[in-house]
């Protein structure tokens, strides 16, 4: 019984560490954490406590920790729109690697994301704006960049 309890506690700790992902400025995986993500809430700095900047229910981004209230953005897996309507103006679109303005999958690339680093433009080389040490939903990445 004691071993089972220890295994459960270790599993919970490990899963919470895996769910945590940090966004840092530049290419270093060390240094100041700008934002951290617990799989639901985006907070400033490295604390998993404190003010929630935005929360994400898998479709809508809202300010603060409430899962109710004003929807800032909604995400259909490819397009980010303002408000809760799944219709209307597309602010940004995502093809799996590049973030572009508007709904066109062609045209200027604002940012690219190689799964680890976010860079400006379409080049996979050059200055790294942000680096992440875990999976963060694209909609949250776009919110942070914006």
N, C-alpha and C. Protein backbone atom coordinates (compact mmCIF):
# COMPACT_ATOMS: atom_id res chain seq x y z
N UNK A 1 0.83 -1.20 0.00
CA UNK A 1 0.00 0.00 0.00
C UNK A 1 0.87 1.26 0.00
N UNK A 2 1.95 1.21 0.78
CA UNK A 2 2.84 2.36 0.85
C UNK A 2 3.50 2.63 -0.50
N UNK A 3 3.91 1.55 -1.18
CA UNK A 3 4.54 1.70 -2.49
C UNK A 3 3.56 2.26 -3.52
N UNK A 4 2.30 1.84 -3.44
CA UNK A 4 1.28 2.33 -4.35
C UNK A 4 1.03 3.83 -4.14
N UNK A 5 0.98 4.24 -2.88
CA UNK A 5 0.79 5.66 -2.57
C UNK A 5 1.95 6.50 -3.10
N UNK A 6 3.17 5.99 -2.92
CA UNK A 6 4.35 6.69 -3.41
C UNK A 6 4.33 6.80 -4.93
N UNK A 7 3.93 5.72 -5.60
CA UNK A 7 3.84 5.72 -7.06
C UNK A 7 2.82 6.74 -7.55
N UNK A 8 1.67 6.82 -6.88
CA UNK A 8 0.63 7.78 -7.26
C UNK A 8 1.13 9.21 -7.10
N UNK A 9 1.79 9.50 -5.98
CA UNK A 9 2.32 10.85 -5.74
C UNK A 9 3.36 11.21 -6.79
N UNK A 10 4.28 10.29 -7.09
CA UNK A 10 5.30 10.55 -8.09
C UNK A 10 4.69 10.77 -9.48
N UNK A 11 3.66 10.01 -9.80
CA UNK A 11 2.98 10.17 -11.08
C UNK A 11 2.33 11.54 -11.19
N UNK A 12 1.67 11.98 -10.11
CA UNK A 12 1.04 13.31 -10.11
C UNK A 12 2.07 14.42 -10.25
N UNK A 13 3.19 14.30 -9.54
CA UNK A 13 4.24 15.32 -9.63
C UNK A 13 4.83 15.36 -11.04
N UNK A 14 5.11 14.17 -11.60
CA UNK A 14 5.69 14.11 -12.95
C UNK A 14 4.73 14.67 -13.99
N UNK A 15 3.44 14.34 -13.87
CA UNK A 15 2.49 14.84 -14.86
C UNK A 15 2.31 16.35 -14.75
N UNK A 16 2.38 16.90 -13.54
CA UNK A 16 2.27 18.35 -13.41
C UNK A 16 3.50 19.04 -13.99
N UNK A 17 4.68 18.41 -13.87
CA UNK A 17 5.90 18.98 -14.45
C UNK A 17 5.85 18.91 -15.97
N UNK A 18 5.30 17.83 -16.52
CA UNK A 18 5.20 17.70 -17.96
C UNK A 18 4.21 18.71 -18.52
N UNK A 19 3.10 18.94 -17.80
CA UNK A 19 2.08 19.88 -18.26
C UNK A 19 2.58 21.32 -18.25
N UNK A 20 3.56 21.57 -17.40
CA UNK A 20 4.11 22.92 -17.28
C UNK A 20 5.03 23.20 -18.45
N UNK A 21 4.83 24.27 -19.13
CA UNK A 21 5.71 24.67 -20.22
C UNK A 21 6.01 26.15 -20.05
N UNK A 22 7.25 26.50 -20.30
CA UNK A 22 7.66 27.88 -20.11
C UNK A 22 8.01 28.54 -21.43
N UNK A 23 7.72 29.81 -21.54
CA UNK A 23 8.11 30.61 -22.69
C UNK A 23 9.17 31.58 -22.20
N UNK A 24 10.33 31.51 -22.83
CA UNK A 24 11.42 32.42 -22.48
C UNK A 24 11.80 33.26 -23.68
N UNK A 25 12.33 34.43 -23.42
CA UNK A 25 12.77 35.31 -24.50
C UNK A 25 14.13 34.84 -25.00
N UNK A 26 14.35 34.94 -26.30
CA UNK A 26 15.63 34.57 -26.86
C UNK A 26 15.80 33.07 -27.01
N UNK A 27 17.02 32.63 -27.23
CA UNK A 27 17.26 31.23 -27.55
C UNK A 27 17.74 30.40 -26.37
N UNK A 28 18.00 31.03 -25.25
CA UNK A 28 18.48 30.28 -24.10
C UNK A 28 17.33 29.54 -23.41
N UNK A 29 17.58 28.30 -23.03
CA UNK A 29 16.57 27.56 -22.28
C UNK A 29 16.68 27.86 -20.79
N UNK A 30 17.58 28.75 -20.44
CA UNK A 30 17.74 29.20 -19.06
C UNK A 30 17.37 30.67 -19.02
N UNK A 31 17.34 31.22 -17.86
CA UNK A 31 17.03 32.64 -17.74
C UNK A 31 15.60 32.88 -17.32
N UNK A 32 15.18 34.11 -17.43
CA UNK A 32 13.88 34.52 -16.94
C UNK A 32 12.75 33.86 -17.73
N UNK A 33 11.78 33.36 -16.99
CA UNK A 33 10.56 32.84 -17.60
C UNK A 33 9.59 33.98 -17.77
N UNK A 34 9.17 34.24 -19.00
CA UNK A 34 8.20 35.30 -19.25
C UNK A 34 6.81 34.83 -18.89
N UNK A 35 6.48 33.63 -19.37
CA UNK A 35 5.15 33.07 -19.12
C UNK A 35 5.28 31.60 -18.83
N UNK A 36 4.37 31.08 -18.02
CA UNK A 36 4.31 29.64 -17.83
C UNK A 36 2.88 29.18 -18.05
N UNK A 37 2.74 27.94 -18.42
CA UNK A 37 1.48 27.39 -18.91
C UNK A 37 1.23 26.06 -18.21
N UNK A 38 0.09 25.91 -17.54
CA UNK A 38 -0.20 24.67 -16.81
C UNK A 38 -1.18 23.78 -17.58
N UNK A 39 -1.36 24.07 -18.85
CA UNK A 39 -2.29 23.29 -19.67
C UNK A 39 -3.65 23.96 -19.77
N UNK A 40 -3.86 24.97 -18.96
CA UNK A 40 -5.14 25.68 -18.96
C UNK A 40 -4.97 27.18 -18.79
N UNK A 41 -4.05 27.58 -17.92
CA UNK A 41 -3.89 28.99 -17.62
C UNK A 41 -2.49 29.47 -17.95
N UNK A 42 -2.40 30.70 -18.47
CA UNK A 42 -1.12 31.33 -18.77
C UNK A 42 -0.85 32.36 -17.68
N UNK A 43 0.28 32.22 -17.01
CA UNK A 43 0.65 33.15 -15.95
C UNK A 43 1.98 33.80 -16.28
N UNK A 44 2.19 34.98 -15.73
CA UNK A 44 3.44 35.67 -15.93
C UNK A 44 4.48 35.13 -14.97
N UNK A 45 5.72 35.03 -15.42
CA UNK A 45 6.80 34.55 -14.56
C UNK A 45 6.79 33.05 -14.40
N UNK A 46 7.52 32.57 -13.41
CA UNK A 46 7.71 31.13 -13.26
C UNK A 46 6.81 30.50 -12.22
N UNK A 47 6.02 31.27 -11.53
CA UNK A 47 5.15 30.72 -10.49
C UNK A 47 3.91 30.08 -11.10
N UNK A 48 3.54 28.94 -10.56
CA UNK A 48 2.29 28.31 -11.01
C UNK A 48 1.11 28.85 -10.22
N UNK A 49 1.38 29.79 -9.35
CA UNK A 49 0.33 30.48 -8.60
C UNK A 49 0.33 31.93 -9.03
N UNK A 50 -0.58 32.69 -8.54
CA UNK A 50 -0.63 34.11 -8.88
C UNK A 50 -1.66 34.39 -9.95
N UNK A 51 -1.61 35.58 -10.47
CA UNK A 51 -2.62 36.06 -11.41
C UNK A 51 -2.60 35.26 -12.70
N UNK A 52 -3.76 34.85 -13.15
CA UNK A 52 -3.90 34.21 -14.45
C UNK A 52 -4.11 35.31 -15.49
N UNK A 53 -3.25 35.34 -16.49
CA UNK A 53 -3.38 36.35 -17.53
C UNK A 53 -4.49 35.98 -18.50
N UNK A 54 -4.43 34.77 -19.02
CA UNK A 54 -5.48 34.28 -19.92
C UNK A 54 -5.73 32.81 -19.63
N UNK A 55 -6.93 32.36 -19.90
CA UNK A 55 -7.22 30.93 -19.79
C UNK A 55 -7.80 30.45 -21.11
N UNK A 56 -7.70 29.16 -21.33
CA UNK A 56 -7.99 28.56 -22.64
C UNK A 56 -8.79 27.29 -22.43
N UNK A 57 -9.96 27.19 -23.06
CA UNK A 57 -10.80 26.00 -22.89
C UNK A 57 -10.73 25.05 -24.08
N UNK A 58 -9.74 25.27 -24.95
CA UNK A 58 -9.59 24.44 -26.13
C UNK A 58 -10.16 25.09 -27.37
N UNK A 59 -10.93 26.15 -27.16
CA UNK A 59 -11.53 26.86 -28.28
C UNK A 59 -11.47 28.38 -28.10
N UNK A 60 -11.69 28.83 -26.88
CA UNK A 60 -11.75 30.27 -26.61
C UNK A 60 -10.67 30.71 -25.64
N UNK A 61 -10.11 31.89 -25.88
CA UNK A 61 -9.16 32.51 -24.97
C UNK A 61 -9.90 33.61 -24.22
N UNK A 62 -9.88 33.54 -22.90
CA UNK A 62 -10.52 34.56 -22.08
C UNK A 62 -9.49 35.22 -21.17
N UNK A 63 -9.77 36.46 -20.78
CA UNK A 63 -8.90 37.13 -19.83
C UNK A 63 -9.15 36.59 -18.44
N UNK A 64 -8.09 36.45 -17.66
CA UNK A 64 -8.22 36.02 -16.27
C UNK A 64 -8.52 34.54 -16.14
N UNK A 65 -8.98 34.14 -14.97
CA UNK A 65 -9.15 32.72 -14.67
C UNK A 65 -10.56 32.21 -14.87
N UNK A 66 -11.50 33.08 -15.22
CA UNK A 66 -12.87 32.65 -15.37
C UNK A 66 -13.06 31.90 -16.68
N UNK A 67 -13.79 30.80 -16.63
CA UNK A 67 -14.12 30.09 -17.87
C UNK A 67 -15.41 30.64 -18.47
N UNK A 68 -15.92 31.67 -17.85
CA UNK A 68 -17.09 32.39 -18.36
C UNK A 68 -16.65 33.81 -18.66
N UNK A 69 -17.53 34.62 -19.15
CA UNK A 69 -17.18 36.01 -19.41
C UNK A 69 -16.76 36.23 -20.85
N UNK A 70 -16.15 37.37 -21.08
CA UNK A 70 -15.83 37.80 -22.44
C UNK A 70 -14.80 36.89 -23.09
N UNK A 71 -15.08 36.49 -24.31
CA UNK A 71 -14.12 35.74 -25.11
C UNK A 71 -13.29 36.72 -25.91
N UNK A 72 -11.98 36.68 -25.72
CA UNK A 72 -11.09 37.58 -26.46
C UNK A 72 -10.89 37.07 -27.88
N UNK A 73 -10.60 35.75 -27.98
CA UNK A 73 -10.31 35.15 -29.28
C UNK A 73 -10.88 33.75 -29.32
N UNK A 74 -11.20 33.27 -30.50
CA UNK A 74 -11.56 31.87 -30.66
C UNK A 74 -10.70 31.27 -31.77
N UNK A 75 -10.51 29.97 -31.69
CA UNK A 75 -9.53 29.26 -32.52
C UNK A 75 -10.15 28.01 -33.07
N UNK A 76 -10.12 27.83 -34.39
CA UNK A 76 -10.72 26.65 -35.00
C UNK A 76 -9.69 25.60 -35.41
N UNK A 77 -8.46 25.79 -34.94
CA UNK A 77 -7.39 24.87 -35.29
C UNK A 77 -6.51 25.40 -36.40
N UNK A 78 -6.99 26.42 -37.08
CA UNK A 78 -6.22 27.01 -38.17
C UNK A 78 -6.28 28.54 -38.15
N UNK A 79 -7.46 29.07 -37.78
CA UNK A 79 -7.66 30.51 -37.80
C UNK A 79 -7.98 31.05 -36.40
N UNK A 80 -7.42 32.21 -36.09
CA UNK A 80 -7.70 32.89 -34.84
C UNK A 80 -8.57 34.09 -35.16
N UNK A 81 -9.76 34.14 -34.55
CA UNK A 81 -10.69 35.24 -34.77
C UNK A 81 -10.93 35.99 -33.46
N UNK A 82 -11.33 37.23 -33.59
CA UNK A 82 -11.65 38.03 -32.41
C UNK A 82 -13.06 37.69 -31.94
N UNK A 83 -13.26 37.66 -30.63
CA UNK A 83 -14.58 37.38 -30.07
C UNK A 83 -14.94 35.90 -30.14
N UNK A 84 -16.21 35.62 -29.92
CA UNK A 84 -16.65 34.22 -29.82
C UNK A 84 -17.23 33.66 -31.10
N UNK A 85 -17.39 34.49 -32.13
CA UNK A 85 -17.98 34.01 -33.37
C UNK A 85 -16.96 33.19 -34.16
N UNK A 86 -17.40 32.06 -34.69
CA UNK A 86 -16.51 31.27 -35.54
C UNK A 86 -16.57 31.76 -36.98
N UNK A 87 -17.28 32.84 -37.18
CA UNK A 87 -17.33 33.50 -38.48
C UNK A 87 -16.72 34.88 -38.31
N UNK A 88 -16.58 35.60 -39.36
CA UNK A 88 -16.05 36.95 -39.25
C UNK A 88 -14.57 37.00 -39.61
N UNK A 89 -13.96 38.14 -39.34
CA UNK A 89 -12.60 38.41 -39.75
C UNK A 89 -11.60 37.49 -39.07
N UNK A 90 -10.72 36.90 -39.87
CA UNK A 90 -9.62 36.09 -39.34
C UNK A 90 -8.45 37.01 -39.08
N UNK A 91 -7.96 37.02 -37.85
CA UNK A 91 -6.81 37.85 -37.52
C UNK A 91 -5.52 37.20 -37.98
N UNK A 92 -5.39 35.89 -37.66
CA UNK A 92 -4.18 35.14 -38.00
C UNK A 92 -4.56 33.74 -38.43
N UNK A 93 -3.72 33.15 -39.27
CA UNK A 93 -3.91 31.74 -39.62
C UNK A 93 -2.58 31.02 -39.45
N UNK A 94 -2.68 29.72 -39.33
CA UNK A 94 -1.54 28.87 -38.96
C UNK A 94 -1.54 27.64 -39.83
N UNK A 95 -0.42 27.36 -40.49
CA UNK A 95 -0.35 26.18 -41.37
C UNK A 95 0.45 25.04 -40.77
N UNK A 96 0.74 25.14 -39.49
CA UNK A 96 1.52 24.11 -38.82
C UNK A 96 2.96 24.54 -38.59
N UNK A 97 3.37 25.58 -39.29
CA UNK A 97 4.73 26.07 -39.12
C UNK A 97 4.79 27.60 -39.13
N UNK A 98 3.95 28.22 -39.97
CA UNK A 98 3.99 29.67 -40.13
C UNK A 98 2.70 30.33 -39.64
N UNK A 99 2.86 31.49 -39.04
CA UNK A 99 1.72 32.31 -38.63
C UNK A 99 1.64 33.49 -39.59
N UNK A 100 0.49 33.61 -40.26
CA UNK A 100 0.28 34.69 -41.22
C UNK A 100 -0.90 35.54 -40.78
N UNK A 101 -0.92 36.78 -41.25
CA UNK A 101 -2.03 37.67 -40.94
C UNK A 101 -3.18 37.38 -41.90
N UNK A 102 -4.40 37.46 -41.39
CA UNK A 102 -5.57 37.23 -42.23
C UNK A 102 -5.81 35.76 -42.49
N UNK A 103 -6.66 35.46 -43.47
CA UNK A 103 -7.05 34.08 -43.70
C UNK A 103 -6.29 33.41 -44.83
N UNK A 104 -5.44 34.15 -45.53
CA UNK A 104 -4.72 33.57 -46.66
C UNK A 104 -3.59 32.68 -46.17
N UNK A 105 -3.44 31.51 -46.80
CA UNK A 105 -2.33 30.64 -46.46
C UNK A 105 -1.10 30.99 -47.29
N UNK A 106 -1.20 32.09 -48.02
CA UNK A 106 -0.08 32.62 -48.78
C UNK A 106 0.22 34.01 -48.25
N UNK A 107 1.24 34.61 -48.74
CA UNK A 107 1.57 35.97 -48.31
C UNK A 107 2.64 35.98 -47.23
N UNK A 108 2.84 37.15 -46.66
CA UNK A 108 3.92 37.35 -45.69
C UNK A 108 3.75 36.48 -44.46
N UNK A 109 4.83 35.87 -44.05
CA UNK A 109 4.86 35.11 -42.80
C UNK A 109 5.29 36.04 -41.70
N UNK A 110 4.45 36.17 -40.67
CA UNK A 110 4.81 37.02 -39.54
C UNK A 110 5.81 36.32 -38.63
N UNK A 111 5.49 35.06 -38.31
CA UNK A 111 6.33 34.28 -37.40
C UNK A 111 6.37 32.84 -37.86
N UNK A 112 7.45 32.14 -37.53
CA UNK A 112 7.49 30.70 -37.74
C UNK A 112 7.87 30.02 -36.44
N UNK A 113 7.41 28.80 -36.30
CA UNK A 113 7.59 28.05 -35.05
C UNK A 113 8.02 26.64 -35.42
N UNK A 114 9.20 26.24 -34.99
CA UNK A 114 9.73 24.93 -35.34
C UNK A 114 9.47 23.88 -34.27
N UNK A 115 8.57 24.19 -33.35
CA UNK A 115 8.27 23.28 -32.27
C UNK A 115 9.04 23.60 -31.01
N UNK A 116 10.02 24.48 -31.15
CA UNK A 116 10.86 24.84 -30.01
C UNK A 116 11.09 26.34 -29.94
N UNK A 117 11.36 26.95 -31.10
CA UNK A 117 11.68 28.37 -31.15
C UNK A 117 10.72 29.13 -32.05
N UNK A 118 10.41 30.37 -31.65
CA UNK A 118 9.59 31.26 -32.45
C UNK A 118 10.50 32.33 -33.03
N UNK A 119 10.49 32.43 -34.36
CA UNK A 119 11.29 33.44 -35.04
C UNK A 119 10.39 34.35 -35.86
N UNK A 120 10.88 35.53 -36.12
CA UNK A 120 10.15 36.48 -36.94
C UNK A 120 10.38 36.12 -38.41
N UNK A 121 9.34 36.25 -39.23
CA UNK A 121 9.47 35.97 -40.65
C UNK A 121 9.45 34.48 -40.96
N UNK A 122 9.87 34.13 -42.17
CA UNK A 122 9.76 32.73 -42.61
C UNK A 122 11.05 31.95 -42.47
N UNK A 123 12.14 32.59 -42.11
CA UNK A 123 13.42 31.90 -42.01
C UNK A 123 13.47 31.03 -40.76
N UNK A 124 14.00 29.83 -40.92
CA UNK A 124 14.18 28.97 -39.75
C UNK A 124 15.54 29.23 -39.10
N UNK A 125 16.23 30.23 -39.60
CA UNK A 125 17.49 30.67 -39.00
C UNK A 125 17.31 32.10 -38.53
N UNK A 126 18.28 32.62 -37.87
CA UNK A 126 18.21 34.01 -37.42
C UNK A 126 17.82 34.10 -35.96
N UNK A 127 17.51 35.32 -35.52
CA UNK A 127 17.24 35.58 -34.11
C UNK A 127 16.00 34.84 -33.63
N UNK A 128 16.13 34.24 -32.47
CA UNK A 128 15.00 33.58 -31.82
C UNK A 128 14.32 34.60 -30.92
N UNK A 129 13.03 34.83 -31.14
CA UNK A 129 12.29 35.76 -30.30
C UNK A 129 11.95 35.11 -28.97
N UNK A 130 11.37 33.89 -29.05
CA UNK A 130 10.96 33.16 -27.85
C UNK A 130 11.31 31.70 -28.03
N UNK A 131 11.59 31.05 -26.93
CA UNK A 131 11.74 29.60 -26.97
C UNK A 131 10.83 28.98 -25.94
N UNK A 132 10.37 27.79 -26.22
CA UNK A 132 9.45 27.10 -25.33
C UNK A 132 10.06 25.77 -24.93
N UNK A 133 9.81 25.34 -23.73
CA UNK A 133 10.34 24.05 -23.32
C UNK A 133 9.22 23.03 -23.14
N UNK A 134 8.13 23.24 -23.83
CA UNK A 134 7.01 22.30 -23.78
C UNK A 134 5.97 22.67 -24.82
N UNK A 135 4.97 21.82 -24.95
CA UNK A 135 3.91 22.07 -25.92
C UNK A 135 2.98 23.16 -25.41
N UNK A 136 2.75 24.15 -26.26
CA UNK A 136 1.83 25.23 -25.94
C UNK A 136 0.89 25.37 -27.12
N UNK A 137 -0.42 25.45 -26.90
CA UNK A 137 -1.34 25.58 -28.03
C UNK A 137 -1.01 26.79 -28.90
N UNK A 138 -1.17 26.63 -30.19
CA UNK A 138 -0.86 27.70 -31.13
C UNK A 138 -1.58 28.99 -30.81
N UNK A 139 -2.84 28.88 -30.40
CA UNK A 139 -3.62 30.08 -30.08
C UNK A 139 -2.97 30.87 -28.96
N UNK A 140 -2.42 30.19 -27.96
CA UNK A 140 -1.72 30.87 -26.86
C UNK A 140 -0.43 31.48 -27.38
N UNK A 141 0.30 30.76 -28.25
CA UNK A 141 1.52 31.31 -28.84
C UNK A 141 1.22 32.61 -29.57
N UNK A 142 0.17 32.62 -30.36
CA UNK A 142 -0.21 33.83 -31.11
C UNK A 142 -0.57 34.94 -30.14
N UNK A 143 -1.28 34.62 -29.08
CA UNK A 143 -1.64 35.63 -28.08
C UNK A 143 -0.38 36.24 -27.45
N UNK A 144 0.58 35.41 -27.11
CA UNK A 144 1.82 35.89 -26.49
C UNK A 144 2.59 36.77 -27.45
N UNK A 145 2.67 36.36 -28.72
CA UNK A 145 3.39 37.15 -29.72
C UNK A 145 2.71 38.50 -29.93
N UNK A 146 1.37 38.47 -29.96
CA UNK A 146 0.61 39.69 -30.18
C UNK A 146 0.82 40.65 -29.02
